[in-house]
Amino acid sequence: MKLSGDLKAFESRLGHEFGRPELLVRAVTHGSMTTANRDDNQRLEFLGDRVLGLVIAEALLENDKGAAEGQLAPRYNALVRKETCAEVARQIDLGAVLKLGRSEMMSGGRRKQALLGDAMEAVIAAVYRDAGFDAAQEVILRLWGDRVTSVKADARDAKTALQEWAQAQGLAPPVYRETARSGPDHAPQFTIEARLENGEAEEATAGAKRQAEQTAAKALLARVASAKP
């Protein structure tokens, strides 16, 4: 199988030349493009998530040999979460080579955080299946770069931070619920409420539920954590 010019250019940005180019094609094929003769990247995404996790966990242990598990866990979560994967995907312009159905194309799928994060994990799995763990590890460590050594010891996403704050106050974990949905089917907007047991709540709207949850959690945490006792 011969890769198209745009995928050959992407290979250069990724830093890995595929011996089995069909793996790369599958990794950049979104579910909206699935046909009887074309597989999407969901299974590769599942595998890539695990490969990424192992590489990052090992790198963190090597980078800070004296760190306790409680210090390593939030750093790990910050480095493997979808937001970071999407950031790396933008770094190598993965969105430019994604194979998307018309509806996803029209809704700006090449820029969607969740879609880019999933595709980045699928590409990692494609490298792993093509050339083994060492090759995948090399690609991950090069692309994640200084993030591994500079990630803060207290790095947490907003939902995790809010849950920890609630537990410290003796409250139940926050609850998230969809309060509204707007926009066309191909580009929905979700409004999510984050609510604490004490009645404090904030809402946020975004094109993905996960993103709306994080934004609502961040807003709620900023308000309750800064409130005077």
Protein backbone atom coordinates (compact mmCIF):
# COMPACT_ATOMS: atom_id res chain seq x y z
CA MET A 1 0.00 0.00 0.00
CA LYS A 2 1.31 3.44 -0.96
CA LEU A 3 0.58 6.43 1.24
CA SER A 4 -0.79 9.67 -0.16
CA GLY A 5 1.40 12.75 -0.18
CA ASP A 6 -0.25 14.27 2.89
CA LEU A 7 0.26 11.09 4.91
CA LYS A 8 3.89 10.84 3.81
CA ALA A 9 4.37 14.39 5.07
CA PHE A 10 2.65 13.42 8.31
CA GLU A 11 5.07 10.48 8.72
CA SER A 12 7.89 13.03 8.72
CA ARG A 13 6.17 15.17 11.35
CA LEU A 14 5.49 12.07 13.45
CA GLY A 15 9.04 10.81 13.07
CA HIS A 16 8.17 7.25 12.09
CA GLU A 17 8.13 5.64 8.64
CA PHE A 18 5.60 2.81 8.50
CA GLY A 19 6.54 -0.60 7.19
CA ARG A 20 2.80 -1.35 7.21
CA PRO A 21 1.25 1.91 6.00
CA GLU A 22 -2.26 0.51 6.26
CA LEU A 23 -1.91 0.88 10.04
CA LEU A 24 -1.45 4.63 9.71
CA VAL A 25 -4.43 4.88 7.35
CA ARG A 26 -6.59 3.07 9.89
CA ALA A 27 -5.30 5.24 12.74
CA VAL A 28 -6.44 8.44 11.03
CA THR A 29 -9.84 7.09 9.95
CA HIS A 30 -12.66 8.33 12.15
CA GLY A 31 -15.78 6.26 12.81
CA SER A 32 -17.79 8.59 10.58
CA MET A 33 -15.86 7.17 7.61
CA THR A 34 -16.34 3.48 8.41
CA THR A 35 -17.49 1.24 5.56
CA ALA A 36 -17.58 -2.50 4.94
CA ASN A 37 -14.08 -2.24 3.47
CA ARG A 38 -12.64 0.43 5.75
CA ASP A 39 -11.91 0.02 9.47
CA ASP A 40 -11.97 3.01 11.82
CA ASN A 41 -9.46 3.83 14.54
CA GLN A 42 -11.45 2.87 17.65
CA ARG A 43 -9.66 -0.42 18.36
CA LEU A 44 -6.28 1.23 17.83
CA GLU A 45 -7.32 4.04 20.18
CA PHE A 46 -8.04 1.45 22.89
CA LEU A 47 -4.56 -0.04 22.49
CA GLY A 48 -2.78 3.27 22.15
CA ASP A 49 -4.18 4.50 25.44
CA ARG A 50 -2.52 1.55 27.19
CA VAL A 51 0.80 1.93 25.37
CA LEU A 52 0.91 5.63 26.20
CA GLY A 53 0.13 4.91 29.83
CA LEU A 54 2.97 2.42 30.20
CA VAL A 55 5.51 4.70 28.52
CA ILE A 56 4.53 7.72 30.62
CA ALA A 57 4.45 5.75 33.87
CA GLU A 58 7.92 4.37 33.22
CA ALA A 59 9.25 7.81 32.21
CA LEU A 60 7.93 9.42 35.39
CA LEU A 61 9.49 6.74 37.57
CA GLU A 62 12.82 7.19 35.81
CA ASN A 63 12.66 10.98 35.96
CA ASP A 64 11.95 11.18 39.70
CA LYS A 65 13.25 8.11 41.51
CA GLY A 66 12.29 9.45 44.92
CA ALA A 67 8.67 10.39 44.17
CA ALA A 68 5.89 8.63 46.03
CA GLU A 69 2.85 7.17 44.26
CA GLY A 70 0.73 10.05 45.50
CA GLN A 71 3.07 12.49 43.75
CA LEU A 72 3.33 10.49 40.54
CA ALA A 73 -0.37 9.82 40.01
CA PRO A 74 -1.48 13.41 39.31
CA ARG A 75 1.50 13.96 36.98
CA TYR A 76 0.61 10.78 35.13
CA ASN A 77 -3.04 11.80 34.80
CA ALA A 78 -2.04 15.20 33.45
CA LEU A 79 0.22 13.67 30.79
CA VAL A 80 -2.13 10.97 29.47
CA ARG A 81 -5.45 12.82 29.55
CA LYS A 82 -7.26 13.61 26.29
CA GLU A 83 -6.44 17.31 26.53
CA THR A 84 -2.71 16.60 26.46
CA CYS A 85 -3.06 14.06 23.66
CA ALA A 86 -4.98 16.65 21.63
CA GLU A 87 -2.29 19.24 22.32
CA VAL A 88 0.36 16.87 20.95
CA ALA A 89 -1.88 16.08 17.97
CA ARG A 90 -2.06 19.79 17.12
CA GLN A 91 1.71 20.02 17.49
CA ILE A 92 2.15 17.61 14.55
CA ASP A 93 -0.98 18.81 12.70
CA LEU A 94 -2.70 15.44 12.95
CA GLY A 95 -6.04 17.10 12.21
CA ALA A 96 -4.92 17.85 8.65
CA VAL A 97 -4.78 14.15 7.72
CA LEU A 98 -7.85 12.84 9.53
CA LYS A 99 -10.34 10.98 7.35
CA LEU A 100 -13.76 12.26 8.40
CA GLY A 101 -17.34 11.84 7.27
CA ARG A 102 -19.16 14.86 5.89
CA SER A 103 -21.00 15.68 9.11
CA GLU A 104 -17.81 15.63 11.18
CA MET A 105 -16.03 17.68 8.53
CA MET A 106 -18.79 20.30 8.59
CA SER A 107 -18.76 20.52 12.39
CA GLY A 108 -15.05 21.27 12.57
CA GLY A 109 -13.95 17.76 13.46
CA ARG A 110 -10.32 18.44 12.60
CA ARG A 111 -10.16 20.84 15.55
CA LYS A 112 -12.23 18.90 18.12
CA GLN A 113 -10.27 18.11 21.25
CA ALA A 114 -11.82 14.69 21.92
CA LEU A 115 -11.45 13.58 18.32
CA LEU A 116 -7.81 14.72 18.13
CA GLY A 117 -6.98 13.04 21.44
CA ASP A 118 -8.51 9.75 20.32
CA ALA A 119 -6.67 9.89 16.99
CA MET A 120 -3.35 10.57 18.71
CA GLU A 121 -3.78 7.44 20.81
CA ALA A 122 -4.65 5.49 17.66
CA VAL A 123 -1.48 6.71 15.92
CA ILE A 124 0.58 5.59 18.93
CA ALA A 125 -0.96 2.13 18.65
CA ALA A 126 -0.25 2.08 14.92
CA VAL A 127 3.44 2.75 15.60
CA TYR A 128 3.44 0.04 18.26
CA ARG A 129 1.81 -2.52 15.97
CA ASP A 130 4.13 -1.54 13.12
CA ALA A 131 7.50 -1.58 14.90
CA GLY A 132 7.08 -2.61 18.53
CA PHE A 133 7.25 -1.02 21.96
CA ASP A 134 10.67 0.64 21.60
CA ALA A 135 9.55 2.53 18.49
CA ALA A 136 6.34 3.68 20.16
CA GLN A 137 8.26 4.72 23.26
CA GLU A 138 10.69 6.79 21.18
CA VAL A 139 7.85 8.59 19.38
CA ILE A 140 5.95 9.30 22.60
CA LEU A 141 8.94 10.62 24.55
CA ARG A 142 10.02 12.83 21.66
CA LEU A 143 6.56 14.29 21.08
CA TRP A 144 5.70 14.73 24.76
CA GLY A 145 9.17 16.23 25.24
CA ASP A 146 9.61 18.58 28.18
CA ARG A 147 6.08 17.92 29.38
CA VAL A 148 7.35 14.80 31.14
CA THR A 149 9.99 16.63 33.17
CA SER A 150 8.13 19.90 33.67
CA VAL A 151 4.69 18.59 34.69
CA LYS A 152 3.85 19.92 38.13
CA ALA A 153 3.64 17.61 41.11
CA ASP A 154 0.15 18.87 41.84
CA ALA A 155 -1.06 18.71 38.22
CA ARG A 156 -4.72 17.71 38.20
CA ASP A 157 -7.61 18.20 35.85
CA ALA A 158 -10.49 20.35 37.07
CA LYS A 159 -12.88 17.46 37.81
CA THR A 160 -10.27 15.68 39.93
CA ALA A 161 -9.38 18.87 41.77
CA LEU A 162 -13.04 19.63 42.49
CA GLN A 163 -13.66 16.12 43.78
CA GLU A 164 -10.64 16.33 46.08
CA TRP A 165 -11.83 19.71 47.38
CA ALA A 166 -15.30 18.29 48.07
CA GLN A 167 -13.87 15.31 49.93
CA ALA A 168 -11.71 17.61 52.04
CA GLN A 169 -14.89 19.48 53.06
CA GLY A 170 -16.67 16.25 53.96
CA LEU A 171 -18.97 16.49 50.94
CA ALA A 172 -20.00 13.80 48.47
CA PRO A 173 -18.33 13.84 45.04
CA PRO A 174 -19.75 16.45 42.64
CA VAL A 175 -22.55 15.44 40.30
CA TYR A 176 -22.60 16.32 36.59
CA ARG A 177 -25.76 16.44 34.52
CA GLU A 178 -26.70 17.64 31.07
CA THR A 179 -29.14 20.53 31.41
CA ALA A 180 -29.46 21.52 27.76
CA ARG A 181 -28.44 20.56 24.25
CA SER A 182 -28.58 22.87 21.26
CA GLY A 183 -27.34 23.15 17.70
CA PRO A 184 -27.69 20.78 14.75
CA ASP A 185 -27.02 17.06 15.06
CA HIS A 186 -23.68 17.36 13.29
CA ALA A 187 -22.47 20.11 15.66
CA PRO A 188 -24.24 19.81 19.03
CA GLN A 189 -23.53 22.07 21.99
CA PHE A 190 -23.88 20.53 25.45
CA THR A 191 -24.63 22.47 28.62
CA ILE A 192 -23.45 20.63 31.71
CA GLU A 193 -24.07 21.51 35.35
CA ALA A 194 -21.53 20.65 38.03
CA ARG A 195 -23.22 20.57 41.44
CA LEU A 196 -21.93 19.98 44.94
CA GLU A 197 -23.83 18.40 47.82
CA ASN A 198 -24.08 21.83 49.51
CA GLY A 199 -26.04 23.21 46.54
CA GLU A 200 -23.22 25.19 44.92
CA ALA A 201 -23.30 24.77 41.14
CA GLU A 202 -21.91 26.14 37.87
CA GLU A 203 -22.80 25.48 34.23
CA ALA A 204 -20.69 25.45 31.08
CA THR A 205 -21.38 24.84 27.39
CA ALA A 206 -19.07 23.17 24.88
CA GLY A 207 -19.11 20.98 21.80
CA ALA A 208 -18.16 17.89 23.83
CA LYS A 209 -19.62 16.74 27.15
CA ARG A 210 -16.20 16.04 28.63
CA GLN A 211 -15.02 19.54 27.83
CA ALA A 212 -18.18 21.10 29.27
CA GLU A 213 -17.78 19.07 32.47
CA GLN A 214 -14.19 20.21 32.87
CA THR A 215 -15.09 23.85 32.28
CA ALA A 216 -18.00 23.73 34.71
CA ALA A 217 -15.82 22.03 37.33
CA LYS A 218 -13.09 24.63 36.90
CA ALA A 219 -15.56 27.50 37.32
CA LEU A 220 -17.18 25.92 40.38
CA LEU A 221 -13.84 25.15 42.02
CA ALA A 222 -12.59 28.69 41.43
CA ARG A 223 -15.68 30.10 43.14
CA VAL A 224 -15.95 27.80 46.16
CA ALA A 225 -12.22 27.56 46.84
CA SER A 226 -11.86 31.34 46.91
CA ALA A 227 -14.96 31.92 49.06
CA LYS A 228 -14.27 33.18 52.54
CA PRO A 229 -15.21 30.75 55.34
